[in-house]
């Protein structure tokens, strides 16, 4: 990622944190302790006027490897 792209990405992250401070804080707490294999992550989305849709996933070793490789990318 080039310098301009990284700056835009960081601006987007900061905007997200400002717009959704409780959710950003929640994510920070969850990821701070790590997410071990076998953890179940569940998400529900409720669009206006529609029924909620829920999906979940069980964290696999390959998921952890992918997240680690993303963390290792240096700007």
C-alpha atoms as a PDB file:
ATOM      1  CA  UNK A   1       0.000   0.000   0.000  1.00  0.00           C
ATOM      2  CA  UNK A   2       1.394   3.402  -0.916  1.00  0.00           C
ATOM      3  CA  UNK A   3       1.703   6.321   1.511  1.00  0.00           C
ATOM      4  CA  UNK A   4      -1.400   8.095   0.202  1.00  0.00           C
ATOM      5  CA  UNK A   5      -3.449   4.904   0.420  1.00  0.00           C
ATOM      6  CA  UNK A   6      -2.250   4.322   3.987  1.00  0.00           C
ATOM      7  CA  UNK A   7      -3.163   7.885   4.962  1.00  0.00           C
ATOM      8  CA  UNK A   8      -6.659   7.453   3.507  1.00  0.00           C
ATOM      9  CA  UNK A   9      -7.038   4.132   5.311  1.00  0.00           C
ATOM     10  CA  UNK A  10      -5.997   5.664   8.648  1.00  0.00           C
ATOM     11  CA  UNK A  11      -8.372   8.601   8.109  1.00  0.00           C
ATOM     12  CA  UNK A  12     -11.167   6.093   7.515  1.00  0.00           C
ATOM     13  CA  UNK A  13     -10.272   4.197  10.706  1.00  0.00           C
ATOM     14  CA  UNK A  14     -10.276   7.424  12.713  1.00  0.00           C
ATOM     15  CA  UNK A  15     -13.615   8.448  11.231  1.00  0.00           C
ATOM     16  CA  UNK A  16     -15.094   5.038  12.127  1.00  0.00           C
ATOM     17  CA  UNK A  17     -13.840   5.370  15.711  1.00  0.00           C
ATOM     18  CA  UNK A  18     -15.345   8.865  16.000  1.00  0.00           C
ATOM     19  CA  UNK A  19     -18.681   7.812  14.498  1.00  0.00           C
ATOM     20  CA  UNK A  20     -18.994   4.571  16.497  1.00  0.00           C
ATOM     21  CA  UNK A  21     -16.950   4.937  19.712  1.00  0.00           C
ATOM     22  CA  UNK A  22     -18.759   2.197  21.671  1.00  0.00           C
ATOM     23  CA  UNK A  23     -18.443  -0.353  18.858  1.00  0.00           C
ATOM     24  CA  UNK A  24     -14.804   0.540  18.214  1.00  0.00           C
ATOM     25  CA  UNK A  25     -14.102   0.150  21.939  1.00  0.00           C
ATOM     26  CA  UNK A  26     -15.896  -3.199  21.966  1.00  0.00           C
ATOM     27  CA  UNK A  27     -13.780  -4.447  19.055  1.00  0.00           C
ATOM     28  CA  UNK A  28     -10.649  -3.208  20.799  1.00  0.00           C
ATOM     29  CA  UNK A  29     -11.469  -5.205  23.935  1.00  0.00           C
ATOM     30  CA  UNK A  30     -12.242  -8.346  21.964  1.00  0.00           C
ATOM     31  CA  UNK A  31      -9.119  -8.249  19.794  1.00  0.00           C
ATOM     32  CA  UNK A  32      -6.840  -7.106  22.632  1.00  0.00           C
ATOM     33  CA  UNK A  33      -6.991 -10.514  24.275  1.00  0.00           C
ATOM     34  CA  UNK A  34      -6.636 -12.394  21.013  1.00  0.00           C
ATOM     35  CA  UNK A  35      -9.181 -14.707  19.450  1.00  0.00           C
ATOM     36  CA  UNK A  36      -8.179 -18.326  19.948  1.00  0.00           C
ATOM     37  CA  UNK A  37      -9.085 -21.248  17.726  1.00  0.00           C
ATOM     38  CA  UNK A  38     -12.594 -22.469  18.465  1.00  0.00           C
ATOM     39  CA  UNK A  39     -13.976 -19.009  19.263  1.00  0.00           C
ATOM     40  CA  UNK A  40     -17.388 -18.424  17.719  1.00  0.00           C
ATOM     41  CA  UNK A  41     -18.000 -15.012  16.194  1.00  0.00           C
ATOM     42  CA  UNK A  42     -21.631 -14.130  15.526  1.00  0.00           C
ATOM     43  CA  UNK A  43     -23.063 -11.091  13.790  1.00  0.00           C
ATOM     44  CA  UNK A  44     -26.638  -9.924  13.323  1.00  0.00           C
ATOM     45  CA  UNK A  45     -27.633  -7.271  10.784  1.00  0.00           C
ATOM     46  CA  UNK A  46     -31.048  -5.608  10.961  1.00  0.00           C
ATOM     47  CA  UNK A  47     -31.891  -3.388   8.008  1.00  0.00           C
ATOM     48  CA  UNK A  48     -34.725  -0.874   8.365  1.00  0.00           C
ATOM     49  CA  UNK A  49     -38.043  -2.610   7.761  1.00  0.00           C
ATOM     50  CA  UNK A  50     -36.499  -6.095   7.433  1.00  0.00           C
ATOM     51  CA  UNK A  51     -36.077  -9.100   9.688  1.00  0.00           C
ATOM     52  CA  UNK A  52     -32.657  -9.593  11.305  1.00  0.00           C
ATOM     53  CA  UNK A  53     -30.134 -11.821   9.535  1.00  0.00           C
ATOM     54  CA  UNK A  54     -27.599 -13.686  11.689  1.00  0.00           C
ATOM     55  CA  UNK A  55     -24.476 -15.607  10.728  1.00  0.00           C
ATOM     56  CA  UNK A  56     -21.628 -17.061  12.729  1.00  0.00           C
ATOM     57  CA  UNK A  57     -18.255 -18.686  12.244  1.00  0.00           C
ATOM     58  CA  UNK A  58     -15.926 -20.817  14.312  1.00  0.00           C
ATOM     59  CA  UNK A  59     -12.344 -19.529  14.213  1.00  0.00           C
ATOM     60  CA  UNK A  60     -10.023 -22.008  12.487  1.00  0.00           C
ATOM     61  CA  UNK A  61      -6.218 -22.164  12.523  1.00  0.00           C
ATOM     62  CA  UNK A  62      -6.157 -20.793   8.949  1.00  0.00           C
ATOM     63  CA  UNK A  63      -8.189 -17.756  10.093  1.00  0.00           C
ATOM     64  CA  UNK A  64      -5.620 -17.026  12.792  1.00  0.00           C
ATOM     65  CA  UNK A  65      -2.777 -17.357  10.261  1.00  0.00           C
ATOM     66  CA  UNK A  66      -4.529 -14.913   7.908  1.00  0.00           C
ATOM     67  CA  UNK A  67      -5.055 -12.339  10.671  1.00  0.00           C
ATOM     68  CA  UNK A  68      -1.427 -12.691  11.757  1.00  0.00           C
ATOM     69  CA  UNK A  69      -0.196 -12.119   8.205  1.00  0.00           C
ATOM     70  CA  UNK A  70      -2.354  -8.974   7.964  1.00  0.00           C
ATOM     71  CA  UNK A  71      -0.927  -7.704  11.278  1.00  0.00           C
ATOM     72  CA  UNK A  72       2.612  -8.279   9.988  1.00  0.00           C
ATOM     73  CA  UNK A  73       2.124  -5.959   7.003  1.00  0.00           C
ATOM     74  CA  UNK A  74       4.129  -2.823   7.665  1.00  0.00           C
ATOM     75  CA  UNK A  75       2.882   0.520   6.309  1.00  0.00           C
END
